[in-house]
N, C-alpha and C. Protein backbone atom coordinates (compact mmCIF):
# COMPACT_ATOMS: atom_id res chain seq x y z
N UNK A 1 -17.79 8.39 -0.33
CA UNK A 1 -17.91 7.23 -1.44
C UNK A 1 -16.56 6.50 -1.11
N UNK A 2 -16.72 5.48 -1.52
CA UNK A 2 -15.40 4.38 -1.35
C UNK A 2 -14.52 4.36 -2.66
N UNK A 3 -13.24 4.37 -2.49
CA UNK A 3 -12.45 4.45 -3.84
C UNK A 3 -12.57 3.45 -4.91
N UNK A 4 -12.90 2.05 -4.29
CA UNK A 4 -13.49 1.07 -5.25
C UNK A 4 -14.79 1.21 -6.02
N UNK A 5 -15.61 2.13 -5.28
CA UNK A 5 -16.91 2.48 -5.82
C UNK A 5 -16.70 3.63 -7.02
N UNK A 6 -15.92 4.22 -6.64
CA UNK A 6 -15.20 5.49 -7.44
C UNK A 6 -14.88 4.63 -9.07
N UNK A 7 -13.91 3.93 -8.47
CA UNK A 7 -13.17 3.37 -9.70
C UNK A 7 -14.47 2.72 -10.67
N UNK A 8 -15.00 1.74 -10.15
CA UNK A 8 -16.14 1.13 -10.70
C UNK A 8 -17.12 1.96 -11.55
N UNK A 9 -17.35 2.88 -10.73
CA UNK A 9 -18.50 4.07 -11.62
C UNK A 9 -17.71 4.65 -12.64
N UNK A 10 -16.40 4.99 -12.78
CA UNK A 10 -15.99 5.48 -13.71
C UNK A 10 -15.60 4.54 -14.92
N UNK A 11 -15.42 3.34 -14.77
CA UNK A 11 -15.49 2.22 -15.68
C UNK A 11 -16.89 2.08 -16.22
N UNK A 12 -17.71 1.79 -15.54
CA UNK A 12 -19.35 1.26 -15.95
C UNK A 12 -20.15 2.38 -16.36
N UNK A 13 -20.49 3.11 -15.20
CA UNK A 13 -21.68 4.11 -15.27
C UNK A 13 -21.07 5.30 -16.17
N UNK A 14 -19.91 6.12 -15.84
CA UNK A 14 -19.55 7.31 -16.70
C UNK A 14 -18.96 7.12 -18.21
N UNK A 15 -18.26 5.79 -18.33
CA UNK A 15 -17.30 5.57 -19.27
C UNK A 15 -15.72 6.02 -19.52
N UNK A 16 -15.80 6.46 -18.43
CA UNK A 16 -14.16 7.16 -18.29
C UNK A 16 -13.39 6.37 -17.98
N UNK A 17 -12.89 5.46 -19.14
CA UNK A 17 -11.74 4.63 -18.61
C UNK A 17 -10.37 5.33 -18.42
N UNK A 18 -9.99 6.04 -18.78
CA UNK A 18 -8.86 6.96 -18.55
C UNK A 18 -9.02 7.40 -17.22
N UNK A 19 -9.60 7.80 -16.65
CA UNK A 19 -9.69 8.37 -15.18
C UNK A 19 -9.68 7.47 -14.33
N UNK A 20 -10.42 6.24 -14.61
CA UNK A 20 -10.68 4.93 -13.89
C UNK A 20 -9.45 4.03 -13.61
N UNK A 21 -8.49 4.08 -14.67
CA UNK A 21 -7.18 3.17 -14.92
C UNK A 21 -6.12 4.22 -14.18
N UNK A 22 -6.16 5.73 -14.35
CA UNK A 22 -5.31 6.34 -13.31
C UNK A 22 -5.55 6.29 -12.02
N UNK A 23 -6.58 6.12 -11.71
CA UNK A 23 -7.02 6.25 -10.25
C UNK A 23 -6.74 4.64 -9.62
N UNK A 24 -6.66 3.64 -10.47
CA UNK A 24 -6.45 2.44 -10.23
C UNK A 24 -4.77 2.29 -10.07
N UNK A 25 -4.22 2.73 -10.99
CA UNK A 25 -2.53 2.98 -10.86
C UNK A 25 -2.22 3.66 -9.80
N UNK A 26 -2.58 4.83 -9.41
CA UNK A 26 -2.02 5.64 -8.28
C UNK A 26 -2.47 4.65 -7.35
N UNK A 27 -3.71 4.17 -6.87
CA UNK A 27 -3.92 3.35 -5.59
C UNK A 27 -2.73 2.27 -5.85
N UNK A 28 -2.60 1.24 -6.83
CA UNK A 28 -1.38 0.48 -6.92
C UNK A 28 -0.20 0.59 -6.42
N UNK A 29 0.31 2.21 -6.85
CA UNK A 29 1.64 2.68 -6.50
C UNK A 29 1.41 2.94 -5.07
N UNK A 30 0.39 3.56 -4.42
CA UNK A 30 0.21 3.82 -2.89
C UNK A 30 0.45 2.72 -2.27
N UNK A 31 -0.15 1.32 -2.76
CA UNK A 31 -0.08 0.16 -1.60
C UNK A 31 1.56 -0.42 -2.02
N UNK A 32 2.04 -0.38 -2.99
CA UNK A 32 3.51 -0.98 -3.14
C UNK A 32 4.45 0.01 -2.05
N UNK A 33 4.36 1.13 -2.12
CA UNK A 33 4.98 2.09 -1.27
C UNK A 33 4.75 1.77 -0.10
N UNK A 34 3.54 1.69 0.40
CA UNK A 34 3.24 1.29 1.72
C UNK A 34 3.97 0.00 2.18
N UNK A 35 3.87 -1.03 1.34
CA UNK A 35 4.52 -2.37 1.74
C UNK A 35 5.69 -2.38 1.56
N UNK A 36 6.42 -1.23 0.96
CA UNK A 36 7.91 -1.58 0.94
C UNK A 36 8.13 -0.73 2.53
N UNK A 37 7.56 0.10 2.65
CA UNK A 37 8.04 0.86 4.33
C UNK A 37 7.59 -0.08 5.48
N UNK A 38 6.53 -0.92 5.28
CA UNK A 38 5.81 -1.85 6.22
C UNK A 38 7.03 -3.00 6.34
N UNK A 39 7.49 -3.41 5.36
CA UNK A 39 8.53 -4.62 5.29
C UNK A 39 9.94 -3.68 5.96
N UNK A 40 10.40 -2.60 5.25
CA UNK A 40 11.41 -1.93 5.93
C UNK A 40 11.47 -1.93 7.49
N UNK A 41 10.51 -1.38 7.90
CA UNK A 41 10.52 -0.93 9.31
C UNK A 41 10.39 -2.25 10.67
N UNK A 42 9.65 -3.28 9.74
CA UNK A 42 9.39 -4.50 10.24
C UNK A 42 10.86 -5.17 10.72
N UNK A 43 11.59 -5.13 9.57
CA UNK A 43 13.00 -5.84 9.60
C UNK A 43 14.15 -4.84 10.43
N UNK A 44 13.62 -3.77 10.52
CA UNK A 44 14.64 -2.78 11.58
C UNK A 44 13.93 -3.32 13.04
N UNK A 45 12.78 -3.57 13.16
CA UNK A 45 12.36 -4.15 14.58
C UNK A 45 12.71 -5.42 15.07
N UNK A 46 12.88 -6.36 13.53
CA UNK A 46 13.26 -7.77 14.06
C UNK A 46 14.89 -7.36 14.64
N UNK A 47 15.56 -6.79 13.68
CA UNK A 47 17.13 -6.54 14.12
C UNK A 47 17.26 -6.01 15.53
N UNK A 48 16.20 -5.10 15.90
CA UNK A 48 16.48 -4.36 17.11
C UNK A 48 16.09 -5.35 18.17
N UNK A 49 14.95 -5.93 18.04
CA UNK A 49 14.70 -7.23 18.96
C UNK A 49 15.76 -8.23 19.52
N UNK A 50 16.39 -8.19 18.23
CA UNK A 50 17.40 -9.52 18.24
C UNK A 50 18.36 -9.02 19.20
N UNK A 51 19.09 -7.81 19.03
CA UNK A 51 20.10 -7.17 19.68
C UNK A 51 19.68 -7.04 21.30
N UNK A 52 18.48 -6.84 21.75
CA UNK A 52 18.08 -6.70 22.90
C UNK A 52 18.00 -8.18 23.47
N UNK A 53 17.91 -9.14 22.58
CA UNK A 53 17.77 -10.29 23.28
C UNK A 53 19.39 -10.81 23.38
N UNK A 54 20.28 -10.62 22.81
CA UNK A 54 21.48 -10.91 22.92
C UNK A 54 22.00 -10.21 24.26
N UNK A 55 21.82 -9.07 24.35
CA UNK A 55 22.21 -8.18 25.55
C UNK A 55 21.81 -8.70 27.03
N UNK A 56 20.48 -9.40 26.95
CA UNK A 56 19.93 -9.73 28.10
C UNK A 56 20.37 -11.02 28.32
N UNK A 57 20.85 -11.77 27.39
CA UNK A 57 21.32 -13.34 27.65
C UNK A 57 22.53 -13.42 28.08
């Protein structure tokens, strides 16, 4: 089962608003953390590639 379907079922079918909200909040936090690390590693890769270009030039 996909997480989106699980969240939808918790809200609509089961009526468990607290559990659905908790899952949604956890997923939002996971997405924010992954975006942070992706941006951080992307910036490090850009800096490393610029340093390599300077050495080759």
